[in-house]
Amino acid sequence: NLGWPKCVSQSRCLQLGILILEVFTGRKPTDEQFDGEFSLRQWVDEAFPVAISDVIDSHVLNESNTTPTKDQLL
């Protein structure tokens, strides 16, 4: 066990996956751009792997390779 929670059902795995996408993109599945047939998962899927930096939140993608300051984390 690598410290990840055990997924007891497929829906829990899906919930965990969506949560991870929210953290890395800074977007929620309920954002305006994700209505109807277009979802957060599809947005990331279409960007992967060529344009993945276009969907990663700039606070997560620290291009300077430095440790974020306390202000950046808040």
C-alpha atoms as a PDB file:
ATOM      1  CA  ASN A   1       0.000   0.000   0.000  1.00  0.00           C
ATOM      2  CA  LEU A   2       1.507   3.319  -1.097  1.00  0.00           C
ATOM      3  CA  GLY A   3      -0.593   5.406   1.262  1.00  0.00           C
ATOM      4  CA  TRP A   4      -3.452   5.779  -1.221  1.00  0.00           C
ATOM      5  CA  PRO A   5      -6.894   4.926   0.083  1.00  0.00           C
ATOM      6  CA  LYS A   6      -8.306   1.666  -1.166  1.00  0.00           C
ATOM      7  CA  CYS A   7     -11.062   2.247  -3.653  1.00  0.00           C
ATOM      8  CA  VAL A   8     -13.943   0.146  -2.442  1.00  0.00           C
ATOM      9  CA  SER A   9     -16.035   0.786  -5.506  1.00  0.00           C
ATOM     10  CA  GLN A  10     -15.740   2.131  -9.020  1.00  0.00           C
ATOM     11  CA  SER A  11     -17.596   5.308  -8.018  1.00  0.00           C
ATOM     12  CA  ARG A  12     -15.063   6.049  -5.270  1.00  0.00           C
ATOM     13  CA  CYS A  13     -12.234   5.671  -7.788  1.00  0.00           C
ATOM     14  CA  LEU A  14     -14.043   8.057 -10.129  1.00  0.00           C
ATOM     15  CA  GLN A  15     -14.535  10.563  -7.281  1.00  0.00           C
ATOM     16  CA  LEU A  16     -10.835  10.381  -6.415  1.00  0.00           C
ATOM     17  CA  GLY A  17      -9.894  10.883 -10.070  1.00  0.00           C
ATOM     18  CA  ILE A  18     -12.115  13.953 -10.403  1.00  0.00           C
ATOM     19  CA  LEU A  19     -10.707  15.373  -7.162  1.00  0.00           C
ATOM     20  CA  ILE A  20      -7.164  14.950  -8.514  1.00  0.00           C
ATOM     21  CA  LEU A  21      -8.170  16.715 -11.749  1.00  0.00           C
ATOM     22  CA  GLU A  22      -9.665  19.570  -9.708  1.00  0.00           C
ATOM     23  CA  VAL A  23      -6.458  19.974  -7.703  1.00  0.00           C
ATOM     24  CA  PHE A  24      -4.166  19.990 -10.719  1.00  0.00           C
ATOM     25  CA  THR A  25      -6.332  22.148 -12.989  1.00  0.00           C
ATOM     26  CA  GLY A  26      -7.841  24.546 -10.467  1.00  0.00           C
ATOM     27  CA  ARG A  27     -11.218  23.923 -12.155  1.00  0.00           C
ATOM     28  CA  LYS A  28     -14.385  22.221 -10.971  1.00  0.00           C
ATOM     29  CA  PRO A  29     -16.612  19.927 -13.024  1.00  0.00           C
ATOM     30  CA  THR A  30     -19.393  22.474 -12.447  1.00  0.00           C
ATOM     31  CA  ASP A  31     -17.527  25.390 -14.099  1.00  0.00           C
ATOM     32  CA  GLU A  32     -19.446  27.092 -16.943  1.00  0.00           C
ATOM     33  CA  GLN A  33     -17.215  25.712 -19.691  1.00  0.00           C
ATOM     34  CA  PHE A  34     -18.121  22.138 -18.688  1.00  0.00           C
ATOM     35  CA  ASP A  35     -21.766  21.994 -19.635  1.00  0.00           C
ATOM     36  CA  GLY A  36     -23.631  19.476 -21.678  1.00  0.00           C
ATOM     37  CA  GLU A  37     -21.355  17.012 -23.418  1.00  0.00           C
ATOM     38  CA  PHE A  38     -17.978  18.613 -22.537  1.00  0.00           C
ATOM     39  CA  SER A  39     -16.504  17.643 -19.151  1.00  0.00           C
ATOM     40  CA  LEU A  40     -13.445  18.404 -17.039  1.00  0.00           C
ATOM     41  CA  ARG A  41     -12.145  14.914 -17.786  1.00  0.00           C
ATOM     42  CA  GLN A  42     -12.562  15.429 -21.544  1.00  0.00           C
ATOM     43  CA  TRP A  43     -10.806  18.817 -21.367  1.00  0.00           C
ATOM     44  CA  VAL A  44      -7.764  17.276 -19.680  1.00  0.00           C
ATOM     45  CA  ASP A  45      -7.890  14.194 -21.906  1.00  0.00           C
ATOM     46  CA  GLU A  46      -7.802  16.329 -25.063  1.00  0.00           C
ATOM     47  CA  ALA A  47      -4.798  18.286 -23.753  1.00  0.00           C
ATOM     48  CA  PHE A  48      -2.813  15.182 -22.770  1.00  0.00           C
ATOM     49  CA  PRO A  49       0.103  14.805 -23.407  1.00  0.00           C
ATOM     50  CA  VAL A  50       0.946  17.533 -25.929  1.00  0.00           C
ATOM     51  CA  ALA A  51      -0.707  20.545 -24.288  1.00  0.00           C
ATOM     52  CA  ILE A  52      -0.987  19.379 -20.677  1.00  0.00           C
ATOM     53  CA  SER A  53       0.677  22.558 -19.427  1.00  0.00           C
ATOM     54  CA  ASP A  54      -2.312  24.475 -20.853  1.00  0.00           C
ATOM     55  CA  VAL A  55      -4.689  22.824 -18.378  1.00  0.00           C
ATOM     56  CA  ILE A  56      -2.481  22.621 -15.284  1.00  0.00           C
ATOM     57  CA  ASP A  57      -3.119  25.419 -12.785  1.00  0.00           C
ATOM     58  CA  SER A  58      -0.191  27.863 -12.785  1.00  0.00           C
ATOM     59  CA  HIS A  59       0.037  27.536  -8.995  1.00  0.00           C
ATOM     60  CA  VAL A  60       0.718  23.823  -9.414  1.00  0.00           C
ATOM     61  CA  LEU A  61       2.955  24.197 -12.449  1.00  0.00           C
ATOM     62  CA  ASN A  62       5.808  26.110 -10.849  1.00  0.00           C
ATOM     63  CA  GLU A  63       7.959  26.921 -13.866  1.00  0.00           C
ATOM     64  CA  SER A  64      10.776  28.419 -11.819  1.00  0.00           C
ATOM     65  CA  ASN A  65      11.352  25.079 -10.053  1.00  0.00           C
ATOM     66  CA  THR A  66      11.472  26.792  -6.679  1.00  0.00           C
ATOM     67  CA  THR A  67       9.603  26.025  -3.518  1.00  0.00           C
ATOM     68  CA  PRO A  68       6.374  28.027  -3.341  1.00  0.00           C
ATOM     69  CA  THR A  69       6.237  30.730  -0.721  1.00  0.00           C
ATOM     70  CA  LYS A  70       3.604  30.786   2.006  1.00  0.00           C
ATOM     71  CA  ASP A  71       1.745  33.550   0.131  1.00  0.00           C
ATOM     72  CA  GLN A  72       1.623  31.457  -3.048  1.00  0.00           C
ATOM     73  CA  LEU A  73       0.089  28.542  -1.160  1.00  0.00           C
ATOM     74  CA  LEU A  74      -2.646  30.621   0.455  1.00  0.00           C
END
